[in-house]
């Protein structure tokens, strides 16, 4: 079981790195595509100004690293918290509520049937076998 979790963790980390690498490669490829002088985007007959994209695509390395760190933080911290609170918390609350109901029913049953339980305990104490079988071995005989 430990190996399965280890392999799942390694696989998840590799998939996350692959996703970040492929996103960077796609953005770099889009940037190179947009930098061509004869490229224009048109939506509903209106041209989109891509000069802003050309200027925005040439970000310094520290801005790119900050963006990658924010993406990594979202991937490593925010995503697990969302999964825990959206899946784990409702399951935990359901189990706690059902456990409380079961505890209440068992407590009520124990309270209602306590005379019968005490009577059964007394009968068991009276009719139990008081003699313990002697454990004789071959060494003790001779």
N, C-alpha and C. Protein backbone atom coordinates (compact mmCIF):
# COMPACT_ATOMS: atom_id res chain seq x y z
N UNK A 1 0.81 -1.18 0.00
CA UNK A 1 0.00 0.00 0.00
C UNK A 1 0.86 1.26 0.00
N UNK A 2 1.97 1.19 0.73
CA UNK A 2 2.85 2.35 0.76
C UNK A 2 3.43 2.61 -0.62
N UNK A 3 3.73 1.56 -1.35
CA UNK A 3 4.28 1.73 -2.70
C UNK A 3 3.26 2.34 -3.64
N UNK A 4 2.00 1.97 -3.48
CA UNK A 4 0.96 2.52 -4.35
C UNK A 4 0.84 4.02 -4.15
N UNK A 5 0.82 4.48 -2.89
CA UNK A 5 0.74 5.91 -2.64
C UNK A 5 1.98 6.64 -3.13
N UNK A 6 3.13 5.99 -2.97
CA UNK A 6 4.37 6.59 -3.45
C UNK A 6 4.34 6.77 -4.96
N UNK A 7 3.88 5.75 -5.67
CA UNK A 7 3.82 5.85 -7.13
C UNK A 7 2.76 6.86 -7.57
N UNK A 8 1.64 6.94 -6.86
CA UNK A 8 0.63 7.94 -7.19
C UNK A 8 1.17 9.35 -6.98
N UNK A 9 1.92 9.56 -5.90
CA UNK A 9 2.50 10.87 -5.65
C UNK A 9 3.53 11.24 -6.72
N UNK A 10 4.37 10.30 -7.08
CA UNK A 10 5.37 10.56 -8.13
C UNK A 10 4.68 10.84 -9.46
N UNK A 11 3.66 10.04 -9.79
CA UNK A 11 2.93 10.26 -11.04
C UNK A 11 2.22 11.60 -11.07
N UNK A 12 1.63 11.99 -9.94
CA UNK A 12 0.97 13.29 -9.88
C UNK A 12 1.96 14.44 -10.04
N UNK A 13 3.13 14.32 -9.41
CA UNK A 13 4.14 15.36 -9.55
C UNK A 13 4.65 15.44 -10.99
N UNK A 14 4.85 14.29 -11.62
CA UNK A 14 5.29 14.29 -13.02
C UNK A 14 4.23 14.89 -13.94
N UNK A 15 2.96 14.58 -13.69
CA UNK A 15 1.90 15.16 -14.50
C UNK A 15 1.81 16.67 -14.31
N UNK A 16 2.01 17.14 -13.08
CA UNK A 16 1.99 18.58 -12.83
C UNK A 16 3.14 19.28 -13.55
N UNK A 17 4.33 18.67 -13.49
CA UNK A 17 5.48 19.25 -14.20
C UNK A 17 5.26 19.24 -15.70
N UNK A 18 4.68 18.16 -16.22
CA UNK A 18 4.39 18.08 -17.64
C UNK A 18 3.36 19.14 -18.05
N UNK A 19 2.36 19.37 -17.21
CA UNK A 19 1.34 20.38 -17.51
C UNK A 19 1.96 21.78 -17.53
N UNK A 20 2.83 22.06 -16.56
CA UNK A 20 3.47 23.39 -16.54
C UNK A 20 4.41 23.55 -17.74
N UNK A 21 5.14 22.50 -18.07
CA UNK A 21 6.05 22.58 -19.21
C UNK A 21 5.28 22.76 -20.52
N UNK A 22 4.18 22.00 -20.68
CA UNK A 22 3.42 22.12 -21.92
C UNK A 22 2.72 23.48 -22.00
N UNK A 23 2.27 24.02 -20.87
CA UNK A 23 1.69 25.37 -20.89
C UNK A 23 2.72 26.40 -21.28
N UNK A 24 3.94 26.28 -20.77
CA UNK A 24 5.00 27.20 -21.16
C UNK A 24 5.33 27.06 -22.64
N UNK A 25 5.37 25.81 -23.13
CA UNK A 25 5.68 25.59 -24.54
C UNK A 25 4.57 26.16 -25.43
N UNK A 26 3.32 25.98 -25.02
CA UNK A 26 2.23 26.55 -25.81
C UNK A 26 2.27 28.07 -25.81
N UNK A 27 2.54 28.67 -24.66
CA UNK A 27 2.61 30.13 -24.60
C UNK A 27 3.78 30.65 -25.43
N UNK A 28 4.90 29.93 -25.37
CA UNK A 28 6.05 30.35 -26.15
C UNK A 28 5.75 30.23 -27.64
N UNK A 29 5.09 29.14 -28.02
CA UNK A 29 4.72 28.97 -29.43
C UNK A 29 3.71 30.01 -29.88
N UNK A 30 2.74 30.35 -29.04
CA UNK A 30 1.77 31.39 -29.37
C UNK A 30 2.46 32.74 -29.48
N UNK A 31 3.41 32.98 -28.59
CA UNK A 31 4.15 34.24 -28.63
C UNK A 31 4.92 34.37 -29.95
N UNK A 32 5.57 33.29 -30.36
CA UNK A 32 6.30 33.32 -31.63
C UNK A 32 5.35 33.50 -32.81
N UNK A 33 4.16 32.91 -32.70
CA UNK A 33 3.18 33.04 -33.77
C UNK A 33 2.65 34.47 -33.86
N UNK A 34 2.39 35.08 -32.70
CA UNK A 34 1.84 36.44 -32.68
C UNK A 34 2.89 37.46 -33.12
N UNK A 35 4.15 37.17 -32.93
CA UNK A 35 5.21 38.13 -33.27
C UNK A 35 5.39 38.29 -34.78
N UNK A 36 4.79 37.43 -35.57
CA UNK A 36 4.90 37.59 -37.03
C UNK A 36 4.15 38.86 -37.45
N UNK A 37 4.71 39.65 -38.38
CA UNK A 37 4.09 40.94 -38.73
C UNK A 37 2.77 40.80 -39.51
N UNK A 38 2.56 39.69 -40.20
CA UNK A 38 1.35 39.58 -41.02
C UNK A 38 0.22 38.83 -40.31
N UNK A 39 0.32 38.62 -39.01
CA UNK A 39 -0.71 37.90 -38.26
C UNK A 39 -1.72 38.90 -37.72
N UNK A 40 -3.00 38.61 -37.91
CA UNK A 40 -4.06 39.44 -37.32
C UNK A 40 -5.20 38.53 -36.90
N UNK A 41 -5.83 38.89 -35.80
CA UNK A 41 -7.00 38.16 -35.31
C UNK A 41 -8.24 39.00 -35.59
N UNK A 42 -9.27 38.33 -36.08
CA UNK A 42 -10.50 39.03 -36.39
C UNK A 42 -11.68 38.27 -35.80
N UNK A 43 -12.48 38.96 -34.98
CA UNK A 43 -13.68 38.38 -34.40
C UNK A 43 -14.85 39.27 -34.78
N UNK A 44 -15.84 38.69 -35.44
CA UNK A 44 -17.02 39.41 -35.93
C UNK A 44 -16.64 40.59 -36.82
N UNK A 45 -15.62 40.42 -37.59
CA UNK A 45 -15.20 41.45 -38.53
C UNK A 45 -14.34 42.54 -37.92
N UNK A 46 -14.09 42.49 -36.63
CA UNK A 46 -13.25 43.51 -35.99
C UNK A 46 -11.88 42.92 -35.68
N UNK A 47 -10.85 43.64 -36.08
CA UNK A 47 -9.49 43.19 -35.81
C UNK A 47 -9.14 43.46 -34.34
N UNK A 48 -8.45 42.48 -33.75
CA UNK A 48 -8.00 42.61 -32.36
C UNK A 48 -6.58 43.13 -32.39
N UNK A 49 -6.34 44.13 -31.57
CA UNK A 49 -4.99 44.70 -31.49
C UNK A 49 -4.09 43.74 -30.74
N UNK A 50 -3.12 43.20 -31.44
CA UNK A 50 -2.19 42.27 -30.79
C UNK A 50 -0.86 42.93 -30.48
N UNK A 51 -0.79 44.21 -30.62
CA UNK A 51 0.44 44.92 -30.23
C UNK A 51 0.67 44.79 -28.73
N UNK A 52 -0.43 44.83 -27.97
CA UNK A 52 -0.31 44.65 -26.52
C UNK A 52 0.23 43.28 -26.17
N UNK A 53 -0.19 42.26 -26.94
CA UNK A 53 0.34 40.92 -26.70
C UNK A 53 1.81 40.85 -27.06
N UNK A 54 2.20 41.55 -28.09
CA UNK A 54 3.62 41.55 -28.47
C UNK A 54 4.47 42.18 -27.37
N UNK A 55 3.97 43.26 -26.78
CA UNK A 55 4.74 43.90 -25.71
C UNK A 55 4.66 43.08 -24.43
N UNK A 56 3.49 42.49 -24.15
CA UNK A 56 3.31 41.76 -22.92
C UNK A 56 4.07 40.44 -22.93
N UNK A 57 4.29 39.89 -24.11
CA UNK A 57 4.99 38.62 -24.22
C UNK A 57 6.46 38.70 -23.88
N UNK A 58 7.02 39.90 -23.88
CA UNK A 58 8.45 40.05 -23.58
C UNK A 58 8.63 40.45 -22.11
N UNK A 59 8.13 39.63 -21.21
CA UNK A 59 8.23 39.91 -19.77
C UNK A 59 9.61 39.52 -19.27
N UNK A 60 10.11 40.22 -18.27
CA UNK A 60 11.41 39.83 -17.69
C UNK A 60 11.30 38.49 -16.97
N UNK A 61 12.45 37.88 -16.72
CA UNK A 61 12.48 36.53 -16.17
C UNK A 61 11.88 36.47 -14.76
N UNK A 62 12.02 37.51 -13.95
CA UNK A 62 11.49 37.45 -12.60
C UNK A 62 9.97 37.49 -12.58
N UNK A 63 9.36 38.14 -13.55
CA UNK A 63 7.90 38.13 -13.63
C UNK A 63 7.40 36.75 -14.05
N UNK A 64 8.12 36.12 -14.96
CA UNK A 64 7.75 34.77 -15.39
C UNK A 64 7.91 33.80 -14.22
N UNK A 65 8.99 33.91 -13.45
CA UNK A 65 9.20 33.03 -12.31
C UNK A 65 8.13 33.25 -11.24
N UNK A 66 7.74 34.51 -11.02
CA UNK A 66 6.69 34.79 -10.04
C UNK A 66 5.36 34.17 -10.49
N UNK A 67 5.07 34.26 -11.77
CA UNK A 67 3.84 33.64 -12.29
C UNK A 67 3.88 32.13 -12.15
N UNK A 68 5.03 31.52 -12.41
CA UNK A 68 5.15 30.07 -12.27
C UNK A 68 5.05 29.66 -10.80
N UNK A 69 5.58 30.47 -9.88
CA UNK A 69 5.46 30.16 -8.46
C UNK A 69 4.00 30.26 -8.01
N UNK A 70 3.28 31.24 -8.52
CA UNK A 70 1.86 31.36 -8.17
C UNK A 70 1.06 30.16 -8.73
N UNK A 71 1.40 29.73 -9.93
CA UNK A 71 0.73 28.55 -10.50
C UNK A 71 1.06 27.30 -9.68
N UNK A 72 2.30 27.16 -9.26
CA UNK A 72 2.69 26.03 -8.42
C UNK A 72 2.02 26.07 -7.06
N UNK A 73 1.88 27.27 -6.48
CA UNK A 73 1.18 27.41 -5.20
C UNK A 73 -0.28 27.01 -5.35
N UNK A 74 -0.90 27.45 -6.42
CA UNK A 74 -2.30 27.07 -6.65
C UNK A 74 -2.42 25.56 -6.85
N UNK A 75 -1.47 24.98 -7.53
CA UNK A 75 -1.51 23.54 -7.79
C UNK A 75 -1.24 22.73 -6.53
N UNK A 76 -0.32 23.17 -5.70
CA UNK A 76 0.08 22.38 -4.54
C UNK A 76 -0.69 22.70 -3.27
N UNK A 77 -1.30 23.87 -3.17
CA UNK A 77 -1.97 24.24 -1.93
C UNK A 77 -3.47 24.41 -2.12
N UNK A 78 -3.87 25.16 -3.11
CA UNK A 78 -5.28 25.48 -3.28
C UNK A 78 -6.07 24.26 -3.77
N UNK A 79 -5.54 23.54 -4.73
CA UNK A 79 -6.25 22.37 -5.27
C UNK A 79 -6.49 21.29 -4.22
N UNK A 80 -5.50 20.89 -3.41
CA UNK A 80 -5.80 19.91 -2.36
C UNK A 80 -6.80 20.41 -1.32
N UNK A 81 -6.73 21.70 -0.97
CA UNK A 81 -7.70 22.24 -0.01
C UNK A 81 -9.11 22.22 -0.58
N UNK A 82 -9.25 22.54 -1.85
CA UNK A 82 -10.58 22.49 -2.48
C UNK A 82 -11.10 21.06 -2.48
N UNK A 83 -10.24 20.10 -2.79
CA UNK A 83 -10.67 18.71 -2.79
C UNK A 83 -11.04 18.23 -1.39
N UNK A 84 -10.27 18.62 -0.39
CA UNK A 84 -10.56 18.20 0.98
C UNK A 84 -11.89 18.79 1.44
N UNK A 85 -12.09 20.09 1.19
CA UNK A 85 -13.30 20.73 1.68
C UNK A 85 -14.53 20.38 0.85
N UNK A 86 -14.36 20.00 -0.40
CA UNK A 86 -15.53 19.68 -1.22
C UNK A 86 -15.90 18.21 -1.16
N UNK A 87 -14.95 17.34 -0.87
CA UNK A 87 -15.23 15.90 -0.83
C UNK A 87 -15.08 15.35 0.59
N UNK A 88 -13.98 15.66 1.24
CA UNK A 88 -13.70 15.07 2.54
C UNK A 88 -14.57 15.59 3.65
N UNK A 89 -14.84 16.89 3.68
CA UNK A 89 -15.63 17.46 4.76
C UNK A 89 -17.07 16.97 4.78
N UNK A 90 -17.78 16.91 3.64
CA UNK A 90 -19.14 16.35 3.69
C UNK A 90 -19.17 14.89 4.13
N UNK A 91 -18.19 14.11 3.70
CA UNK A 91 -18.14 12.70 4.12
C UNK A 91 -17.89 12.62 5.63
N UNK A 92 -16.99 13.44 6.14
CA UNK A 92 -16.70 13.45 7.57
C UNK A 92 -17.93 13.86 8.38
N UNK A 93 -18.63 14.89 7.93
CA UNK A 93 -19.83 15.32 8.64
C UNK A 93 -20.91 14.24 8.61
N UNK A 94 -21.06 13.57 7.48
CA UNK A 94 -22.05 12.49 7.39
C UNK A 94 -21.72 11.36 8.36
N UNK A 95 -20.45 10.97 8.40
CA UNK A 95 -20.04 9.89 9.30
C UNK A 95 -20.23 10.31 10.76
N UNK A 96 -19.91 11.56 11.09
CA UNK A 96 -20.08 12.02 12.47
C UNK A 96 -21.56 12.05 12.86
N UNK A 97 -22.42 12.50 11.95
CA UNK A 97 -23.85 12.53 12.26
C UNK A 97 -24.40 11.12 12.43
N UNK A 98 -24.05 10.21 11.51
CA UNK A 98 -24.52 8.83 11.63
C UNK A 98 -23.96 8.16 12.89
N UNK A 99 -22.71 8.47 13.23
CA UNK A 99 -22.13 7.92 14.45
C UNK A 99 -22.82 8.46 15.69
N UNK A 100 -23.18 9.74 15.70
CA UNK A 100 -23.91 10.30 16.82
C UNK A 100 -25.29 9.67 16.98
N UNK A 101 -25.97 9.45 15.87
CA UNK A 101 -27.28 8.79 15.92
C UNK A 101 -27.13 7.36 16.45
N UNK A 102 -26.14 6.63 15.95
CA UNK A 102 -25.92 5.25 16.43
C UNK A 102 -25.56 5.24 17.91
N UNK A 103 -24.73 6.18 18.35
CA UNK A 103 -24.37 6.26 19.77
C UNK A 103 -25.60 6.55 20.62
N UNK A 104 -26.45 7.44 20.16
CA UNK A 104 -27.68 7.75 20.89
C UNK A 104 -28.60 6.56 20.98
N UNK A 105 -28.75 5.83 19.87
CA UNK A 105 -29.62 4.65 19.90
C UNK A 105 -29.06 3.56 20.80
N UNK A 106 -27.74 3.35 20.75
CA UNK A 106 -27.13 2.34 21.62
C UNK A 106 -27.22 2.75 23.09
N UNK A 107 -27.06 4.04 23.37
CA UNK A 107 -27.18 4.50 24.75
C UNK A 107 -28.60 4.32 25.26
N UNK A 108 -29.58 4.66 24.43
CA UNK A 108 -30.97 4.48 24.82
C UNK A 108 -31.30 3.00 25.01
N UNK A 109 -30.80 2.16 24.10
CA UNK A 109 -31.01 0.72 24.23
C UNK A 109 -30.37 0.16 25.48
N UNK A 110 -29.16 0.62 25.79
CA UNK A 110 -28.49 0.15 27.01
C UNK A 110 -29.23 0.59 28.25
N UNK A 111 -29.78 1.80 28.23
CA UNK A 111 -30.54 2.29 29.38
C UNK A 111 -31.85 1.52 29.55
N UNK A 112 -32.54 1.26 28.43
CA UNK A 112 -33.81 0.55 28.52
C UNK A 112 -33.64 -0.92 28.89
N UNK A 113 -32.59 -1.55 28.40
CA UNK A 113 -32.41 -2.98 28.63
C UNK A 113 -31.42 -3.27 29.76
N UNK A 114 -31.06 -2.28 30.57
CA UNK A 114 -30.09 -2.50 31.63
C UNK A 114 -30.56 -3.52 32.66
N UNK A 115 -31.85 -3.60 33.03
CA UNK A 115 -32.23 -4.67 33.97
C UNK A 115 -31.99 -6.07 33.40
N UNK A 116 -32.27 -6.25 32.13
CA UNK A 116 -32.03 -7.56 31.51
C UNK A 116 -30.54 -7.87 31.40
N UNK A 117 -29.76 -6.85 31.15
CA UNK A 117 -28.31 -7.04 31.07
C UNK A 117 -27.77 -7.43 32.44
N UNK A 118 -28.24 -6.76 33.51
CA UNK A 118 -27.80 -7.11 34.86
C UNK A 118 -28.24 -8.51 35.24
N UNK A 119 -29.47 -8.90 34.89
CA UNK A 119 -29.96 -10.24 35.17
C UNK A 119 -29.11 -11.29 34.44
N UNK A 120 -28.77 -11.03 33.19
CA UNK A 120 -27.93 -11.96 32.43
C UNK A 120 -26.54 -12.07 33.05
N UNK A 121 -26.00 -10.95 33.55
CA UNK A 121 -24.69 -10.98 34.20
C UNK A 121 -24.74 -11.81 35.48
N UNK A 122 -25.79 -11.63 36.27
CA UNK A 122 -25.93 -12.41 37.50
C UNK A 122 -26.08 -13.90 37.20
N UNK A 123 -26.88 -14.25 36.20
CA UNK A 123 -27.03 -15.66 35.83
C UNK A 123 -25.72 -16.25 35.34
N UNK A 124 -24.97 -15.49 34.61
CA UNK A 124 -23.68 -15.98 34.13
C UNK A 124 -22.72 -16.21 35.29
N UNK A 125 -22.72 -15.30 36.28
CA UNK A 125 -21.84 -15.47 37.44
C UNK A 125 -22.24 -16.68 38.27
N UNK A 126 -23.54 -16.97 38.36
CA UNK A 126 -23.99 -18.10 39.16
C UNK A 126 -23.70 -19.42 38.46
N UNK A 127 -23.98 -19.50 37.18
CA UNK A 127 -23.90 -20.78 36.48
C UNK A 127 -22.58 -21.02 35.73
N UNK A 128 -21.62 -20.18 35.88
CA UNK A 128 -20.36 -20.41 35.17
C UNK A 128 -19.59 -21.56 35.81
N UNK A 129 -18.69 -22.13 35.04
CA UNK A 129 -17.88 -23.25 35.52
C UNK A 129 -16.75 -22.68 36.36
N UNK A 130 -16.79 -22.99 37.68
CA UNK A 130 -15.78 -22.43 38.57
C UNK A 130 -14.50 -23.24 38.59
N UNK A 131 -14.60 -24.50 38.20
CA UNK A 131 -13.42 -25.34 38.17
C UNK A 131 -12.68 -25.11 36.86
N UNK A 132 -11.44 -24.82 37.01
CA UNK A 132 -10.61 -24.66 35.81
C UNK A 132 -9.97 -26.00 35.51
N UNK A 133 -9.92 -26.38 34.25
CA UNK A 133 -9.29 -27.66 33.94
C UNK A 133 -7.79 -27.59 34.24
N UNK A 134 -7.32 -28.62 34.93
CA UNK A 134 -5.91 -28.63 35.27
C UNK A 134 -5.09 -28.98 34.03
N UNK A 135 -4.09 -28.23 33.83
CA UNK A 135 -3.24 -28.46 32.68
C UNK A 135 -2.04 -29.29 33.12
N UNK A 136 -2.19 -30.56 32.95
CA UNK A 136 -1.11 -31.46 33.33
C UNK A 136 -0.28 -31.78 32.10
N UNK A 137 0.96 -31.74 32.25
CA UNK A 137 1.87 -32.06 31.15
C UNK A 137 2.64 -33.31 31.50
N UNK A 138 3.33 -33.79 30.58
CA UNK A 138 4.12 -35.02 30.78
C UNK A 138 5.24 -34.77 31.78
N UNK A 139 5.73 -33.55 31.84
CA UNK A 139 6.83 -33.24 32.77
C UNK A 139 6.34 -33.24 34.22
N UNK A 140 5.12 -32.82 34.45
CA UNK A 140 4.63 -32.75 35.83
C UNK A 140 4.22 -34.12 36.34
N UNK A 141 3.93 -35.07 35.48
CA UNK A 141 3.53 -36.42 35.91
C UNK A 141 4.74 -37.22 36.40
N UNK A 142 5.80 -37.05 35.79
CA UNK A 142 6.85 -37.97 36.19
C UNK A 142 8.15 -37.34 36.22
